[in-house]
Amino acid sequence: MCIRDRVNGAYNRDPAWSPDGKRIAFASNVDAGFNEIYVVNADGSNQRRLTTNSSDDTAPTWSPDGAFLVYVTSQNASADLSVMAADGSGQIILTENAAEDIDPAWSPDGTHLAFAANRNANPYQVYTCLLYTSDAADERSSVDLGGRRIIKKKTRYKHRIRREQKKKKRKKDSTREDGT
C-alpha cells in the first residue's frame, strides 16, 4: 500500500505511526499547495486532513498515548511548534518566536517535549518544555485540551525546567531535614 496512491501523486512526507499502529500521520501538499497534516488508517482508508493553514505544517509526532499530535507550523513566518488533539481539534501554537523550533519529540510520559531551536542566533540546540500539567498554579497560563491543561507560555523553557528542578530539589532536601 502506498499513501501516495491515495492522494493522487501529491508530495507526502514526515510519516509517523500512531502508538497503537492503527494510523499514520503525515504532511502532504495535496489540497492547497502548502503542506498540511493528515491522518490515514494504516490500511490507507479514511484519510482526514487535520490542519487548514495557508502555511506549511510538517513533522507530525504522536503523543505516547496517541491522543495528541505535535507538529511544526510556519504560520508566523518562522517554524513554531503546535499541538492538537489527534482528531485535529484544539490546535494551539506553543512556541512563537523568530527562531526556528523543529524536530519535536515527546517524553515517554507525554508531559514534556524536546525540540531543536536556533534561538539567539546560535546554532541549533536541544530545548525541553513542560507541555501539560495538573498543577493549579499553571492553569492561568494554560489552555484546556481534551481534559488536559496545555501550558502556553512565552518564556524560555530551559529556565522554567531549571526552576522546577530546583524547586523539587529544595522540597526533597527539606523533607530529608524534617526526617519525613
N, C-alpha and C. Protein backbone atom coordinates (compact mmCIF):
# COMPACT_ATOMS: atom_id res chain seq x y z
N MET A 1 0.85 -1.17 0.00
CA MET A 1 0.00 0.00 0.00
C MET A 1 0.89 1.23 0.00
N CYS A 2 0.56 2.17 -0.81
CA CYS A 2 1.32 3.41 -0.88
C CYS A 2 0.35 4.58 -0.65
N ILE A 3 0.63 5.39 0.35
CA ILE A 3 -0.26 6.52 0.63
C ILE A 3 -0.33 7.45 -0.58
N ARG A 4 0.77 7.57 -1.30
CA ARG A 4 0.78 8.44 -2.48
C ARG A 4 -0.35 8.08 -3.43
N ASP A 5 -0.60 6.79 -3.60
CA ASP A 5 -1.68 6.36 -4.48
C ASP A 5 -3.03 6.89 -4.00
N ARG A 6 -3.16 7.08 -2.71
CA ARG A 6 -4.43 7.55 -2.14
C ARG A 6 -4.64 9.05 -2.33
N VAL A 7 -3.56 9.79 -2.60
CA VAL A 7 -3.69 11.25 -2.71
C VAL A 7 -3.20 11.76 -4.07
N ASN A 8 -3.37 10.96 -5.09
CA ASN A 8 -3.13 11.36 -6.47
C ASN A 8 -1.75 11.92 -6.74
N GLY A 9 -0.72 11.30 -6.20
CA GLY A 9 0.65 11.68 -6.52
C GLY A 9 1.15 12.94 -5.86
N ALA A 10 0.50 13.43 -4.85
CA ALA A 10 0.97 14.62 -4.14
C ALA A 10 2.28 14.33 -3.43
N TYR A 11 2.95 15.38 -3.03
CA TYR A 11 4.19 15.26 -2.27
C TYR A 11 3.83 14.99 -0.82
N ASN A 12 4.14 13.79 -0.33
CA ASN A 12 3.83 13.36 1.03
C ASN A 12 5.14 13.15 1.77
N ARG A 13 5.16 13.55 3.05
CA ARG A 13 6.41 13.46 3.81
C ARG A 13 6.12 13.29 5.30
N ASP A 14 7.16 13.07 6.06
CA ASP A 14 7.13 13.02 7.52
C ASP A 14 6.13 12.02 8.09
N PRO A 15 6.12 10.77 7.62
CA PRO A 15 5.16 9.81 8.18
C PRO A 15 5.50 9.46 9.63
N ALA A 16 4.46 9.26 10.44
CA ALA A 16 4.64 8.88 11.84
C ALA A 16 3.53 7.91 12.23
N TRP A 17 3.90 6.73 12.67
CA TRP A 17 2.93 5.73 13.13
C TRP A 17 2.33 6.16 14.46
N SER A 18 1.05 5.93 14.65
CA SER A 18 0.43 6.12 15.96
C SER A 18 0.97 5.04 16.89
N PRO A 19 0.97 5.28 18.20
CA PRO A 19 1.49 4.28 19.13
C PRO A 19 0.80 2.92 19.04
N ASP A 20 -0.48 2.90 18.68
CA ASP A 20 -1.19 1.62 18.57
C ASP A 20 -1.02 0.96 17.20
N GLY A 21 -0.32 1.64 16.29
CA GLY A 21 -0.05 1.08 14.97
C GLY A 21 -1.23 1.10 14.01
N LYS A 22 -2.32 1.76 14.38
CA LYS A 22 -3.53 1.75 13.54
C LYS A 22 -3.62 2.92 12.57
N ARG A 23 -2.85 3.99 12.82
CA ARG A 23 -2.93 5.19 11.98
C ARG A 23 -1.54 5.70 11.65
N ILE A 24 -1.48 6.49 10.58
CA ILE A 24 -0.24 7.15 10.19
C ILE A 24 -0.57 8.63 10.00
N ALA A 25 0.19 9.48 10.66
CA ALA A 25 0.09 10.92 10.44
C ALA A 25 1.18 11.29 9.44
N PHE A 26 0.92 12.26 8.58
CA PHE A 26 1.92 12.69 7.61
C PHE A 26 1.58 14.09 7.13
N ALA A 27 2.54 14.71 6.45
CA ALA A 27 2.32 16.02 5.84
C ALA A 27 2.17 15.82 4.34
N SER A 28 1.28 16.60 3.73
CA SER A 28 1.05 16.50 2.29
C SER A 28 0.63 17.85 1.74
N ASN A 29 0.98 18.10 0.48
CA ASN A 29 0.56 19.33 -0.19
C ASN A 29 -0.56 19.06 -1.20
N VAL A 30 -1.30 18.01 -1.02
CA VAL A 30 -2.31 17.58 -1.99
C VAL A 30 -3.43 18.59 -2.20
N ASP A 31 -3.87 19.30 -1.18
CA ASP A 31 -5.05 20.15 -1.31
C ASP A 31 -4.78 21.61 -1.63
N ALA A 32 -3.75 22.19 -1.07
CA ALA A 32 -3.62 23.64 -1.16
C ALA A 32 -2.26 24.13 -1.63
N GLY A 33 -1.34 23.23 -1.92
CA GLY A 33 -0.01 23.67 -2.28
C GLY A 33 0.89 23.85 -1.08
N PHE A 34 0.30 24.02 0.09
CA PHE A 34 1.05 24.05 1.34
C PHE A 34 0.97 22.67 1.96
N ASN A 35 2.00 22.31 2.72
CA ASN A 35 1.93 21.05 3.46
C ASN A 35 0.96 21.21 4.62
N GLU A 36 0.08 20.25 4.75
CA GLU A 36 -0.88 20.20 5.85
C GLU A 36 -0.74 18.83 6.51
N ILE A 37 -1.26 18.70 7.71
CA ILE A 37 -1.17 17.43 8.44
C ILE A 37 -2.41 16.59 8.13
N TYR A 38 -2.18 15.33 7.82
CA TYR A 38 -3.23 14.36 7.52
C TYR A 38 -3.04 13.14 8.42
N VAL A 39 -4.11 12.40 8.62
CA VAL A 39 -4.06 11.10 9.28
C VAL A 39 -4.81 10.12 8.39
N VAL A 40 -4.26 8.93 8.28
CA VAL A 40 -4.89 7.88 7.48
C VAL A 40 -4.77 6.57 8.27
N ASN A 41 -5.75 5.70 8.12
CA ASN A 41 -5.64 4.38 8.73
C ASN A 41 -4.46 3.66 8.11
N ALA A 42 -3.89 2.74 8.83
CA ALA A 42 -2.69 2.02 8.36
C ALA A 42 -2.94 1.27 7.05
N ASP A 43 -4.20 0.90 6.77
CA ASP A 43 -4.51 0.21 5.52
C ASP A 43 -4.78 1.19 4.37
N GLY A 44 -4.62 2.50 4.62
CA GLY A 44 -4.81 3.51 3.58
C GLY A 44 -6.22 4.10 3.52
N SER A 45 -7.13 3.59 4.33
CA SER A 45 -8.51 4.10 4.30
C SER A 45 -8.68 5.28 5.25
N ASN A 46 -9.78 5.98 5.08
CA ASN A 46 -10.22 7.03 5.99
C ASN A 46 -9.19 8.16 6.17
N GLN A 47 -8.69 8.66 5.06
CA GLN A 47 -7.74 9.78 5.12
C GLN A 47 -8.48 11.05 5.54
N ARG A 48 -7.89 11.78 6.51
CA ARG A 48 -8.50 13.02 7.00
C ARG A 48 -7.46 14.12 7.08
N ARG A 49 -7.82 15.29 6.59
CA ARG A 49 -6.95 16.46 6.71
C ARG A 49 -7.23 17.10 8.07
N LEU A 50 -6.18 17.34 8.85
CA LEU A 50 -6.34 17.88 10.19
C LEU A 50 -6.07 19.37 10.28
N THR A 51 -5.15 19.89 9.47
CA THR A 51 -4.84 21.32 9.51
C THR A 51 -5.28 21.98 8.21
N THR A 52 -5.59 23.25 8.29
CA THR A 52 -6.03 24.02 7.10
C THR A 52 -5.43 25.42 7.14
N ASN A 53 -4.13 25.51 7.21
CA ASN A 53 -3.45 26.80 7.29
C ASN A 53 -2.92 27.20 5.92
N SER A 54 -2.75 28.49 5.71
CA SER A 54 -2.15 28.96 4.46
C SER A 54 -0.64 29.08 4.66
N SER A 55 -0.08 28.07 5.27
CA SER A 55 1.36 27.95 5.50
C SER A 55 1.67 26.48 5.70
N ASP A 56 2.94 26.14 5.73
CA ASP A 56 3.32 24.74 5.86
C ASP A 56 3.16 24.22 7.29
N ASP A 57 2.59 23.05 7.42
CA ASP A 57 2.54 22.28 8.67
C ASP A 57 3.22 20.95 8.36
N THR A 58 4.23 20.60 9.13
CA THR A 58 5.03 19.40 8.84
C THR A 58 5.39 18.67 10.13
N ALA A 59 6.06 17.56 9.97
CA ALA A 59 6.68 16.79 11.06
C ALA A 59 5.72 16.41 12.18
N PRO A 60 4.57 15.80 11.88
CA PRO A 60 3.68 15.38 12.97
C PRO A 60 4.31 14.27 13.80
N THR A 61 4.11 14.35 15.11
CA THR A 61 4.65 13.36 16.03
C THR A 61 3.57 13.03 17.05
N TRP A 62 3.26 11.76 17.23
CA TRP A 62 2.20 11.31 18.13
C TRP A 62 2.65 11.38 19.58
N SER A 63 1.73 11.73 20.47
CA SER A 63 1.99 11.62 21.90
C SER A 63 2.02 10.13 22.25
N PRO A 64 2.67 9.76 23.34
CA PRO A 64 2.77 8.34 23.69
C PRO A 64 1.42 7.63 23.82
N ASP A 65 0.38 8.35 24.23
CA ASP A 65 -0.94 7.73 24.36
C ASP A 65 -1.78 7.83 23.09
N GLY A 66 -1.25 8.47 22.06
CA GLY A 66 -1.96 8.59 20.78
C GLY A 66 -3.08 9.61 20.77
N ALA A 67 -3.21 10.39 21.83
CA ALA A 67 -4.30 11.36 21.93
C ALA A 67 -3.99 12.69 21.26
N PHE A 68 -2.69 13.01 21.06
CA PHE A 68 -2.29 14.30 20.53
C PHE A 68 -1.23 14.16 19.45
N LEU A 69 -1.11 15.21 18.66
CA LEU A 69 -0.03 15.34 17.69
C LEU A 69 0.65 16.69 17.92
N VAL A 70 1.96 16.69 17.97
CA VAL A 70 2.71 17.94 17.93
C VAL A 70 3.28 18.03 16.52
N TYR A 71 3.39 19.24 15.99
CA TYR A 71 3.88 19.41 14.62
C TYR A 71 4.53 20.77 14.48
N VAL A 72 5.24 20.96 13.38
CA VAL A 72 5.90 22.22 13.09
C VAL A 72 5.01 23.01 12.14
N THR A 73 4.75 24.28 12.48
CA THR A 73 3.94 25.14 11.63
C THR A 73 4.73 26.40 11.29
N SER A 74 4.47 26.96 10.12
CA SER A 74 5.14 28.20 9.72
C SER A 74 4.13 29.34 9.61
N GLN A 75 3.08 29.31 10.41
CA GLN A 75 2.05 30.34 10.37
C GLN A 75 2.57 31.73 10.68
N ASN A 76 3.60 31.83 11.50
CA ASN A 76 4.11 33.14 11.92
C ASN A 76 5.44 33.47 11.25
N ALA A 77 5.65 33.00 10.05
CA ALA A 77 6.85 33.26 9.25
C ALA A 77 8.11 32.62 9.80
N SER A 78 8.00 31.85 10.85
CA SER A 78 9.12 31.04 11.33
C SER A 78 8.55 29.69 11.72
N ALA A 79 9.43 28.75 11.95
CA ALA A 79 8.98 27.42 12.32
C ALA A 79 8.69 27.38 13.81
N ASP A 80 7.43 27.16 14.16
CA ASP A 80 6.99 27.08 15.56
C ASP A 80 6.37 25.71 15.79
N LEU A 81 6.27 25.33 17.06
CA LEU A 81 5.62 24.07 17.41
C LEU A 81 4.16 24.32 17.75
N SER A 82 3.31 23.42 17.28
CA SER A 82 1.89 23.44 17.60
C SER A 82 1.49 22.06 18.09
N VAL A 83 0.40 22.02 18.82
CA VAL A 83 -0.15 20.74 19.30
C VAL A 83 -1.64 20.75 19.02
N MET A 84 -2.19 19.57 18.81
CA MET A 84 -3.63 19.42 18.60
C MET A 84 -4.04 18.03 19.05
N ALA A 85 -5.33 17.87 19.28
CA ALA A 85 -5.87 16.54 19.56
C ALA A 85 -5.72 15.70 18.29
N ALA A 86 -5.71 14.41 18.42
CA ALA A 86 -5.49 13.51 17.28
C ALA A 86 -6.59 13.62 16.22
N ASP A 87 -7.74 14.20 16.57
CA ASP A 87 -8.80 14.40 15.58
C ASP A 87 -8.70 15.76 14.90
N GLY A 88 -7.67 16.57 15.23
CA GLY A 88 -7.46 17.87 14.62
C GLY A 88 -8.04 19.04 15.40
N SER A 89 -8.76 18.76 16.46
CA SER A 89 -9.36 19.84 17.24
C SER A 89 -8.35 20.45 18.20
N GLY A 90 -8.64 21.66 18.66
CA GLY A 90 -7.83 22.30 19.70
C GLY A 90 -6.43 22.67 19.29
N GLN A 91 -6.23 23.14 18.08
CA GLN A 91 -4.88 23.50 17.62
C GLN A 91 -4.36 24.71 18.37
N ILE A 92 -3.18 24.56 18.95
CA ILE A 92 -2.55 25.61 19.75
C ILE A 92 -1.10 25.77 19.31
N ILE A 93 -0.68 26.99 19.02
CA ILE A 93 0.74 27.26 18.76
C ILE A 93 1.43 27.36 20.11
N LEU A 94 2.43 26.53 20.34
CA LEU A 94 3.12 26.50 21.62
C LEU A 94 4.28 27.48 21.69
N THR A 95 5.02 27.60 20.61
CA THR A 95 6.19 28.47 20.60
C THR A 95 5.97 29.53 19.54
N GLU A 96 6.15 30.78 19.90
CA GLU A 96 6.01 31.88 18.95
C GLU A 96 7.22 32.79 19.13
N ASN A 97 8.18 32.65 18.24
CA ASN A 97 9.37 33.48 18.29
C ASN A 97 10.02 33.50 16.92
N ALA A 98 11.03 34.31 16.75
CA ALA A 98 11.68 34.45 15.45
C ALA A 98 12.59 33.27 15.12
N ALA A 99 12.90 32.47 16.10
CA ALA A 99 13.77 31.30 15.88
C ALA A 99 12.97 30.18 15.22
N GLU A 100 13.69 29.21 14.72
CA GLU A 100 13.05 28.00 14.19
C GLU A 100 13.03 26.95 15.28
N ASP A 101 11.85 26.45 15.61
CA ASP A 101 11.67 25.36 16.56
C ASP A 101 11.24 24.14 15.75
N ILE A 102 12.08 23.12 15.72
CA ILE A 102 11.85 21.98 14.83
C ILE A 102 12.10 20.66 15.56
N ASP A 103 11.83 19.57 14.87
CA ASP A 103 12.13 18.21 15.33
C ASP A 103 11.56 17.88 16.71
N PRO A 104 10.26 18.05 16.91
CA PRO A 104 9.69 17.78 18.23
C PRO A 104 9.69 16.29 18.57
N ALA A 105 9.88 16.01 19.86
CA ALA A 105 9.84 14.63 20.36
C ALA A 105 9.20 14.64 21.75
N TRP A 106 8.27 13.73 21.99
CA TRP A 106 7.57 13.62 23.27
C TRP A 106 8.42 12.87 24.28
N SER A 107 8.29 13.21 25.54
CA SER A 107 8.88 12.40 26.61
C SER A 107 8.05 11.12 26.72
N PRO A 108 8.62 10.05 27.27
CA PRO A 108 7.86 8.80 27.37
C PRO A 108 6.55 8.93 28.15
N ASP A 109 6.49 9.84 29.14
CA ASP A 109 5.25 10.00 29.90
C ASP A 109 4.32 11.04 29.27
N GLY A 110 4.75 11.68 28.19
CA GLY A 110 3.90 12.61 27.46
C GLY A 110 3.73 13.98 28.09
N THR A 111 4.49 14.31 29.12
CA THR A 111 4.33 15.60 29.77
C THR A 111 5.29 16.67 29.26
N HIS A 112 6.33 16.27 28.56
CA HIS A 112 7.33 17.21 28.08
C HIS A 112 7.58 17.01 26.58
N LEU A 113 8.11 18.05 25.96
CA LEU A 113 8.60 17.97 24.59
C LEU A 113 10.07 18.33 24.58
N ALA A 114 10.82 17.67 23.73
CA ALA A 114 12.18 18.08 23.40
C ALA A 114 12.12 18.54 21.95
N PHE A 115 12.90 19.56 21.62
CA PHE A 115 12.92 20.05 20.25
C PHE A 115 14.23 20.79 20.00
N ALA A 116 14.55 20.99 18.74
CA ALA A 116 15.74 21.75 18.37
C ALA A 116 15.31 23.17 18.02
N ALA A 117 16.14 24.14 18.39
CA ALA A 117 15.84 25.54 18.09
C ALA A 117 17.14 26.30 17.89
N ASN A 118 17.08 27.31 17.04
CA ASN A 118 18.25 28.16 16.80
C ASN A 118 18.01 29.55 17.41
N ARG A 119 17.77 29.59 18.67
CA ARG A 119 17.46 30.84 19.36
C ARG A 119 18.71 31.67 19.59
N ASN A 120 18.53 32.97 19.73
CA ASN A 120 19.62 33.91 20.00
C ASN A 120 20.74 33.82 18.97
N ALA A 121 20.38 33.58 17.72
CA ALA A 121 21.34 33.50 16.60
C ALA A 121 22.42 32.45 16.84
N ASN A 122 22.12 31.46 17.64
CA ASN A 122 23.06 30.37 17.90
C ASN A 122 22.75 29.20 16.99
N PRO A 123 23.71 28.28 16.87
CA PRO A 123 23.39 27.04 16.14
C PRO A 123 22.27 26.31 16.88
N TYR A 124 21.69 25.36 16.22
CA TYR A 124 20.59 24.60 16.84
C TYR A 124 21.04 23.94 18.14
N GLN A 125 20.19 24.05 19.14
CA GLN A 125 20.41 23.42 20.44
C GLN A 125 19.13 22.66 20.79
N VAL A 126 19.23 21.73 21.71
CA VAL A 126 18.06 20.98 22.15
C VAL A 126 17.45 21.67 23.36
N TYR A 127 16.15 21.88 23.32
CA TYR A 127 15.39 22.50 24.40
C TYR A 127 14.34 21.51 24.87
N THR A 128 13.89 21.68 26.10
CA THR A 128 12.76 20.91 26.59
C THR A 128 11.74 21.88 27.16
N CYS A 129 10.50 21.48 27.15
CA CYS A 129 9.45 22.30 27.77
C CYS A 129 8.39 21.40 28.35
N LEU A 130 7.83 21.86 29.47
CA LEU A 130 6.71 21.19 30.09
C LEU A 130 5.49 21.43 29.21
N LEU A 131 4.80 20.40 28.83
CA LEU A 131 3.68 20.55 27.92
C LEU A 131 2.35 20.65 28.64
N TYR A 132 2.09 19.77 29.57
CA TYR A 132 0.85 19.88 30.32
C TYR A 132 1.04 19.40 31.75
N THR A 133 0.14 19.86 32.58
CA THR A 133 0.27 19.60 34.00
C THR A 133 -1.10 19.62 34.65
N SER A 134 -1.18 19.10 35.84
CA SER A 134 -2.40 19.22 36.62
C SER A 134 -2.21 20.23 37.74
N ASP A 135 -1.07 20.90 37.75
CA ASP A 135 -0.75 21.89 38.78
C ASP A 135 -1.64 23.11 38.62
N ALA A 136 -2.42 23.41 39.66
CA ALA A 136 -3.35 24.54 39.61
C ALA A 136 -2.64 25.86 39.37
N ALA A 137 -1.39 25.98 39.80
CA ALA A 137 -0.66 27.23 39.62
C ALA A 137 -0.42 27.54 38.15
N ASP A 138 -0.41 26.54 37.31
CA ASP A 138 -0.18 26.75 35.89
C ASP A 138 -1.46 26.99 35.10
N GLU A 139 -2.61 26.87 35.72
CA GLU A 139 -3.87 26.97 34.98
C GLU A 139 -4.10 28.33 34.34
N ARG A 140 -3.61 29.40 34.97
CA ARG A 140 -3.84 30.73 34.40
C ARG A 140 -3.08 30.92 33.08
N SER A 141 -2.07 30.12 32.82
CA SER A 141 -1.28 30.26 31.61
C SER A 141 -1.41 29.04 30.70
N SER A 142 -2.52 28.36 30.83
CA SER A 142 -2.69 27.15 30.05
C SER A 142 -4.06 27.12 29.38
N VAL A 143 -4.20 26.18 28.47
CA VAL A 143 -5.43 26.02 27.71
C VAL A 143 -5.90 24.59 27.89
N ASP A 144 -7.18 24.39 28.09
CA ASP A 144 -7.73 23.05 28.26
C ASP A 144 -7.84 22.38 26.90
N LEU A 145 -7.23 21.24 26.74
CA LEU A 145 -7.30 20.48 25.50
C LEU A 145 -7.64 19.05 25.87
N GLY A 146 -8.89 18.69 25.70
CA GLY A 146 -9.31 17.33 25.96
C GLY A 146 -9.12 16.91 27.41
N GLY A 147 -9.37 17.80 28.34
CA GLY A 147 -9.25 17.46 29.74
C GLY A 147 -7.85 17.61 30.30
N ARG A 148 -6.90 18.05 29.48
CA ARG A 148 -5.54 18.28 29.95
C ARG A 148 -5.23 19.76 29.84
N ARG A 149 -4.43 20.25 30.76
CA ARG A 149 -4.03 21.65 30.74
C ARG A 149 -2.77 21.78 29.89
N ILE A 150 -2.89 22.38 28.73
CA ILE A 150 -1.74 22.59 27.85
C ILE A 150 -1.15 23.95 28.19
N ILE A 151 0.08 23.98 28.61
CA ILE A 151 0.72 25.22 29.02
C ILE A 151 1.17 25.97 27.78
N LYS A 152 0.85 27.24 27.73
CA LYS A 152 1.28 28.09 26.62
C LYS A 152 1.93 29.32 27.23
N LYS A 153 3.22 29.28 27.31
CA LYS A 153 3.96 30.39 27.91
C LYS A 153 4.99 30.90 26.91
N LYS A 154 5.23 32.18 26.96
CA LYS A 154 6.27 32.78 26.14
C LYS A 154 7.51 33.02 27.01
N THR A 155 7.98 31.97 27.62
CA THR A 155 9.16 32.07 28.47
C THR A 155 10.24 31.19 27.90
N ARG A 156 11.40 31.36 28.41
CA ARG A 156 12.48 30.48 28.00
C ARG A 156 12.30 29.15 28.71
N TYR A 157 12.14 28.12 27.94
CA TYR A 157 11.81 26.82 28.51
C TYR A 157 12.92 26.25 29.36
N LYS A 158 14.16 26.47 28.97
CA LYS A 158 15.27 25.96 29.76
C LYS A 158 15.20 26.51 31.18
N HIS A 159 14.92 27.81 31.30
CA HIS A 159 14.86 28.42 32.62
C HIS A 159 13.71 27.86 33.44
N ARG A 160 12.58 27.62 32.82
CA ARG A 160 11.42 27.06 33.53
C ARG A 160 11.75 25.68 34.07
N ILE A 161 12.36 24.86 33.26
CA ILE A 161 12.70 23.50 33.68
C ILE A 161 13.71 23.56 34.83
N ARG A 162 14.70 24.43 34.72
CA ARG A 162 15.68 24.55 35.80
C ARG A 162 15.01 24.97 37.10
N ARG A 163 14.09 25.93 37.04
CA ARG A 163 13.38 26.38 38.24
C ARG A 163 12.61 25.22 38.86
N GLU A 164 11.93 24.43 38.02
CA GLU A 164 11.16 23.30 38.53
C GLU A 164 12.07 22.26 39.16
N GLN A 165 13.23 22.03 38.55
CA GLN A 165 14.16 21.06 39.11
C GLN A 165 14.69 21.54 40.46
N LYS A 166 14.99 22.86 40.55
CA LYS A 166 15.48 23.41 41.82
C LYS A 166 14.40 23.32 42.89
N LYS A 167 13.15 23.60 42.52
CA LYS A 167 12.04 23.54 43.47
C LYS A 167 11.88 22.12 44.00
N LYS A 168 11.95 21.13 43.12
CA LYS A 168 11.84 19.73 43.54
C LYS A 168 12.98 19.36 44.47
N LYS A 169 14.20 19.83 44.13
CA LYS A 169 15.36 19.52 44.96
C LYS A 169 15.21 20.14 46.34
N ARG A 170 14.76 21.41 46.41
CA ARG A 170 14.55 22.06 47.71
C ARG A 170 13.51 21.30 48.53
N LYS A 171 12.43 20.88 47.87
CA LYS A 171 11.37 20.14 48.56
C LYS A 171 11.92 18.82 49.09
N LYS A 172 12.71 18.14 48.25
CA LYS A 172 13.30 16.87 48.64
C LYS A 172 14.26 17.07 49.81
N ASP A 173 15.09 18.14 49.74
CA ASP A 173 16.04 18.43 50.80
C ASP A 173 15.33 18.78 52.11
N SER A 174 14.26 19.56 52.02
CA SER A 174 13.53 19.94 53.25
C SER A 174 12.83 18.73 53.86
N THR A 175 12.39 17.81 53.03
CA THR A 175 11.77 16.58 53.53
C THR A 175 12.80 15.74 54.29
N ARG A 176 14.02 15.70 53.79
CA ARG A 176 15.09 14.96 54.46
C ARG A 176 15.43 15.59 55.82
N GLU A 177 15.46 16.94 55.82
CA GLU A 177 15.79 17.64 57.06
C GLU A 177 14.71 17.41 58.12
N ASP A 178 13.46 17.34 57.70
CA ASP A 178 12.36 17.10 58.63
C ASP A 178 12.32 15.66 59.11
N GLY A 179 13.01 14.80 58.41
CA GLY A 179 13.01 13.40 58.77
C GLY A 179 11.76 12.66 58.35
N THR A 180 10.98 13.26 57.43
CA THR A 180 9.75 12.61 56.95
C THR A 180 9.95 12.00 55.61
